[in-house]
N, C-alpha and C. Protein backbone atom coordinates (compact mmCIF):
# COMPACT_ATOMS: atom_id res chain seq x y z
N MET A 1 -55.33 29.36 6.44
CA MET A 1 -54.30 28.67 5.75
C MET A 1 -55.06 27.06 5.28
N ALA A 2 -54.95 25.98 6.14
CA ALA A 2 -55.72 25.15 5.30
C ALA A 2 -57.05 25.33 4.83
N ALA A 3 -57.70 25.98 5.75
CA ALA A 3 -59.23 26.01 5.52
C ALA A 3 -59.03 26.72 4.07
N ALA A 4 -58.24 27.66 3.58
CA ALA A 4 -58.61 28.33 2.51
C ALA A 4 -57.99 27.55 1.45
N HIS A 5 -57.16 26.43 1.58
CA HIS A 5 -56.83 25.52 0.62
C HIS A 5 -57.69 24.21 0.38
N SER A 6 -58.54 24.35 1.74
CA SER A 6 -59.47 23.00 1.94
C SER A 6 -58.79 21.89 2.09
N VAL A 7 -58.13 22.03 2.72
CA VAL A 7 -57.17 20.64 3.11
C VAL A 7 -56.84 20.80 4.84
N SER A 8 -56.26 19.64 5.32
CA SER A 8 -56.33 19.38 7.43
C SER A 8 -55.09 20.24 7.47
N LEU A 9 -55.14 20.57 8.51
CA LEU A 9 -54.01 21.35 9.12
C LEU A 9 -52.91 20.37 9.00
N ARG A 10 -52.69 19.19 9.19
CA ARG A 10 -51.98 18.01 9.53
C ARG A 10 -51.29 18.56 7.93
N THR A 11 -52.33 17.95 6.66
CA THR A 11 -51.78 18.50 5.33
C THR A 11 -50.44 19.49 5.13
N VAL A 12 -50.95 20.62 5.83
CA VAL A 12 -50.51 21.58 5.57
C VAL A 12 -48.93 21.89 6.08
N HIS A 13 -49.04 21.42 7.56
CA HIS A 13 -47.85 20.58 8.06
C HIS A 13 -46.67 19.85 7.31
N ARG A 14 -47.46 18.92 6.73
CA ARG A 14 -46.69 18.17 5.83
C ARG A 14 -45.63 18.55 4.74
N VAL A 15 -46.59 19.64 4.18
CA VAL A 15 -45.82 20.40 2.80
C VAL A 15 -44.91 21.20 3.22
N PHE A 16 -44.92 21.98 4.43
CA PHE A 16 -43.52 22.58 4.96
C PHE A 16 -43.07 21.82 5.40
N GLN A 17 -42.99 20.81 6.35
CA GLN A 17 -42.20 19.67 6.43
C GLN A 17 -41.32 19.42 5.11
N ALA A 18 -41.93 18.52 4.06
CA ALA A 18 -41.23 18.36 3.01
C ALA A 18 -40.04 19.41 2.37
N HIS A 19 -40.83 20.87 2.72
CA HIS A 19 -39.78 21.82 2.03
C HIS A 19 -38.59 22.08 3.45
N GLU A 20 -38.48 21.04 4.91
CA GLU A 20 -37.39 21.58 5.63
C GLU A 20 -37.71 22.72 6.00
N THR A 21 -38.91 22.95 6.81
CA THR A 21 -39.30 24.40 7.43
C THR A 21 -40.66 23.84 8.31
N THR A 22 -40.94 25.01 8.91
CA THR A 22 -42.30 25.02 9.44
C THR A 22 -42.84 26.13 9.30
N VAL A 23 -44.59 26.02 9.89
CA VAL A 23 -45.27 27.43 8.95
C VAL A 23 -44.63 28.46 10.09
N CYS A 24 -44.56 28.49 11.05
CA CYS A 24 -43.78 29.17 12.19
C CYS A 24 -42.50 29.88 11.39
N ASP A 25 -41.70 29.04 11.13
CA ASP A 25 -40.56 29.88 10.35
C ASP A 25 -40.78 30.47 9.08
N VAL A 26 -41.81 30.02 8.71
CA VAL A 26 -42.08 30.62 7.37
C VAL A 26 -42.70 32.50 7.56
N ILE A 27 -43.27 32.23 8.73
CA ILE A 27 -44.13 33.67 9.48
C ILE A 27 -43.01 34.20 10.01
N ARG A 28 -42.29 33.74 11.00
CA ARG A 28 -41.19 34.64 11.40
C ARG A 28 -40.35 35.25 10.74
N ARG A 29 -39.82 34.37 9.59
CA ARG A 29 -38.96 35.10 8.16
C ARG A 29 -40.05 36.42 7.69
N ALA A 30 -41.22 36.13 7.39
CA ALA A 30 -42.14 36.88 6.56
C ALA A 30 -42.27 38.29 7.67
N ARG A 31 -42.00 38.12 8.88
CA ARG A 31 -42.48 39.55 9.69
C ARG A 31 -40.79 40.15 9.69
N ARG A 32 -39.55 39.38 9.98
CA ARG A 32 -38.78 40.21 9.74
C ARG A 32 -38.32 40.85 8.69
N SER A 33 -38.60 39.83 7.92
CA SER A 33 -38.18 40.88 6.15
C SER A 33 -39.33 42.02 6.44
N ARG A 34 -40.29 42.04 6.65
CA ARG A 34 -41.19 43.30 6.92
C ARG A 34 -40.71 44.42 7.66
N CYS A 35 -40.04 44.20 8.99
CA CYS A 35 -39.58 44.98 9.75
C CYS A 35 -38.16 45.43 9.13
N ARG A 36 -37.67 44.98 8.94
CA ARG A 36 -35.98 45.03 7.91
C ARG A 36 -36.57 46.39 6.95
N ARG A 37 -37.64 45.89 5.87
CA ARG A 37 -38.20 46.93 5.12
C ARG A 37 -38.57 48.38 5.65
N ASP A 38 -39.36 47.97 6.61
CA ASP A 38 -39.77 49.49 7.70
C ASP A 38 -38.87 50.26 8.03
N LEU A 39 -37.70 49.50 8.78
CA LEU A 39 -36.64 50.00 8.96
C LEU A 39 -35.55 50.60 8.22
N ALA A 40 -35.72 50.28 7.08
CA ALA A 40 -34.88 50.87 6.24
C ALA A 40 -35.56 51.87 5.24
N ASP A 41 -36.93 51.97 5.65
CA ASP A 41 -37.62 53.14 4.64
C ASP A 41 -37.58 54.24 5.83
N PRO A 42 -36.58 55.91 4.78
CA PRO A 42 -36.47 56.94 5.55
C PRO A 42 -37.73 57.68 5.81
N ARG A 43 -38.79 57.41 5.22
CA ARG A 43 -39.96 58.01 5.02
C ARG A 43 -40.91 57.63 6.39
N ASP A 44 -40.33 56.07 7.32
CA ASP A 44 -40.64 55.77 8.04
C ASP A 44 -40.22 56.57 8.97
N ALA A 45 -41.18 57.04 10.18
CA ALA A 45 -40.34 57.76 11.47
C ALA A 45 -41.06 56.96 12.52
N SER A 46 -41.52 55.70 12.16
CA SER A 46 -41.65 55.39 13.53
C SER A 46 -40.82 54.79 14.27
N PRO A 47 -40.85 54.68 15.78
CA PRO A 47 -40.02 54.16 16.45
C PRO A 47 -40.01 52.63 16.00
N VAL A 48 -38.74 52.35 16.79
CA VAL A 48 -38.62 50.97 16.69
C VAL A 48 -39.62 50.05 17.71
N ARG A 49 -40.00 50.41 18.42
CA ARG A 49 -40.94 49.74 19.14
C ARG A 49 -42.43 49.74 18.46
N ALA A 50 -42.69 50.38 17.56
CA ALA A 50 -43.54 50.62 16.86
C ALA A 50 -43.98 49.37 15.63
N ILE A 51 -42.61 49.34 15.20
CA ILE A 51 -42.66 48.80 14.27
C ILE A 51 -42.44 47.46 14.70
N GLY A 52 -41.92 46.83 15.52
CA GLY A 52 -42.20 45.82 15.77
C GLY A 52 -43.35 45.18 16.20
N ALA A 53 -44.09 45.97 16.77
CA ALA A 53 -45.37 45.77 17.39
C ALA A 53 -46.57 45.81 15.98
N ARG A 54 -45.89 46.49 14.87
CA ARG A 54 -47.18 46.50 13.63
C ARG A 54 -46.56 45.11 13.37
N TRP A 55 -45.63 44.43 13.42
CA TRP A 55 -45.08 43.22 12.56
C TRP A 55 -45.38 41.73 13.31
N GLY A 56 -46.03 42.20 14.80
CA GLY A 56 -46.76 40.81 15.45
C GLY A 56 -45.40 40.46 16.87
N CYS A 57 -44.77 41.72 17.25
CA CYS A 57 -43.81 41.75 18.19
C CYS A 57 -43.53 42.84 19.50
N PRO A 58 -45.19 42.69 19.91
CA PRO A 58 -45.53 44.24 21.44
C PRO A 58 -44.59 44.40 21.91
N ARG A 59 -43.75 43.05 22.38
CA ARG A 59 -42.64 43.39 23.57
C ARG A 59 -41.28 44.23 22.83
N PRO A 60 -41.05 45.75 23.04
CA PRO A 60 -39.86 45.91 22.63
C PRO A 60 -38.42 44.66 22.83
N SER A 61 -38.30 44.53 24.03
CA SER A 61 -37.16 43.65 24.31
C SER A 61 -37.29 42.40 23.64
N GLU A 62 -38.36 41.79 23.09
CA GLU A 62 -38.31 40.52 22.34
C GLU A 62 -37.97 40.85 20.78
N PHE A 63 -38.64 41.82 20.63
CA PHE A 63 -38.14 42.56 19.01
C PHE A 63 -36.75 42.58 18.99
N THR A 64 -36.54 43.05 19.74
CA THR A 64 -34.67 43.39 19.80
C THR A 64 -34.17 42.26 19.51
N ARG A 65 -34.57 41.03 21.17
CA ARG A 65 -33.43 40.02 20.84
C ARG A 65 -34.14 39.27 19.49
N ALA A 66 -34.91 38.85 19.33
CA ALA A 66 -35.09 38.33 17.70
C ALA A 66 -34.29 38.88 16.70
N PHE A 67 -34.40 40.10 16.58
CA PHE A 67 -33.91 40.56 15.70
C PHE A 67 -32.20 40.60 15.76
N ARG A 68 -31.43 40.48 16.68
CA ARG A 68 -30.36 40.68 16.65
C ARG A 68 -30.01 39.26 16.30
N ALA A 69 -30.63 38.46 16.92
CA ALA A 69 -30.57 36.77 16.67
C ALA A 69 -30.39 36.71 15.00
N ALA A 70 -31.22 37.14 14.31
CA ALA A 70 -31.58 37.20 13.05
C ALA A 70 -30.18 37.70 12.08
N THR A 71 -30.31 38.72 12.83
CA THR A 71 -29.35 39.94 11.47
C THR A 71 -28.06 40.07 12.24
N GLY A 72 -27.65 39.74 13.47
CA GLY A 72 -26.50 40.24 14.19
C GLY A 72 -26.59 41.81 14.66
N MET A 73 -27.71 42.40 14.65
CA MET A 73 -27.29 43.72 15.07
C MET A 73 -28.84 44.37 15.73
N THR A 74 -28.72 44.98 16.37
CA THR A 74 -30.18 45.41 16.76
C THR A 74 -31.05 46.06 16.15
N PRO A 75 -32.46 46.31 15.79
CA PRO A 75 -32.76 47.08 14.51
C PRO A 75 -32.69 48.57 14.89
N THR A 76 -32.32 49.09 16.02
CA THR A 76 -31.49 50.60 15.77
C THR A 76 -30.21 50.72 14.88
N GLN A 77 -29.67 49.57 15.27
CA GLN A 77 -28.32 49.59 14.52
C GLN A 77 -28.52 49.27 13.38
N PHE A 78 -29.44 48.64 12.76
CA PHE A 78 -29.61 48.10 11.39
C PHE A 78 -30.27 49.55 10.70
N ARG A 79 -31.19 50.20 11.31
CA ARG A 79 -31.78 51.50 11.21
C ARG A 79 -30.87 52.31 10.45
N ALA A 80 -29.87 52.90 11.47
CA ALA A 80 -28.74 53.54 11.16
C ALA A 80 -27.79 53.24 10.42
N LEU A 81 -27.60 52.01 9.92
CA LEU A 81 -26.66 51.35 8.96
C LEU A 81 -27.36 51.76 7.46
N VAL A 82 -28.55 51.00 7.55
CA VAL A 82 -29.00 51.26 6.20
C VAL A 82 -29.44 52.65 5.42
N GLN A 83 -29.84 53.67 6.56
CA GLN A 83 -30.22 55.02 6.24
C GLN A 83 -28.82 55.78 6.27
N LYS A 84 -27.84 55.34 6.77
CA LYS A 84 -26.54 55.98 6.16
C LYS A 84 -26.28 55.88 4.73
N ARG A 85 -26.46 54.68 4.43
CA ARG A 85 -26.63 54.50 2.83
C ARG A 85 -26.93 54.99 1.76
N PHE A 86 -28.00 55.66 2.34
CA PHE A 86 -28.85 56.84 1.18
C PHE A 86 -28.52 58.09 1.29
């Protein structure tokens, strides 16, 4: 990111700090968002573990823990709830 914008790594971190977040937090939120999107897609029959791995969490237990911490439910519960609505 820093190289793409011709700035130092420290400058990138300062910009994110000014917005009261970190680069890692933004990346985690983006990955969770993509996981939620894929879990909600009725055309995507991929196993939950495959969706987690697709978005950077190759260990199913870690994916489940992080997803539950962020959403209050497991990825399987989320998928069932969202797909039930359709």
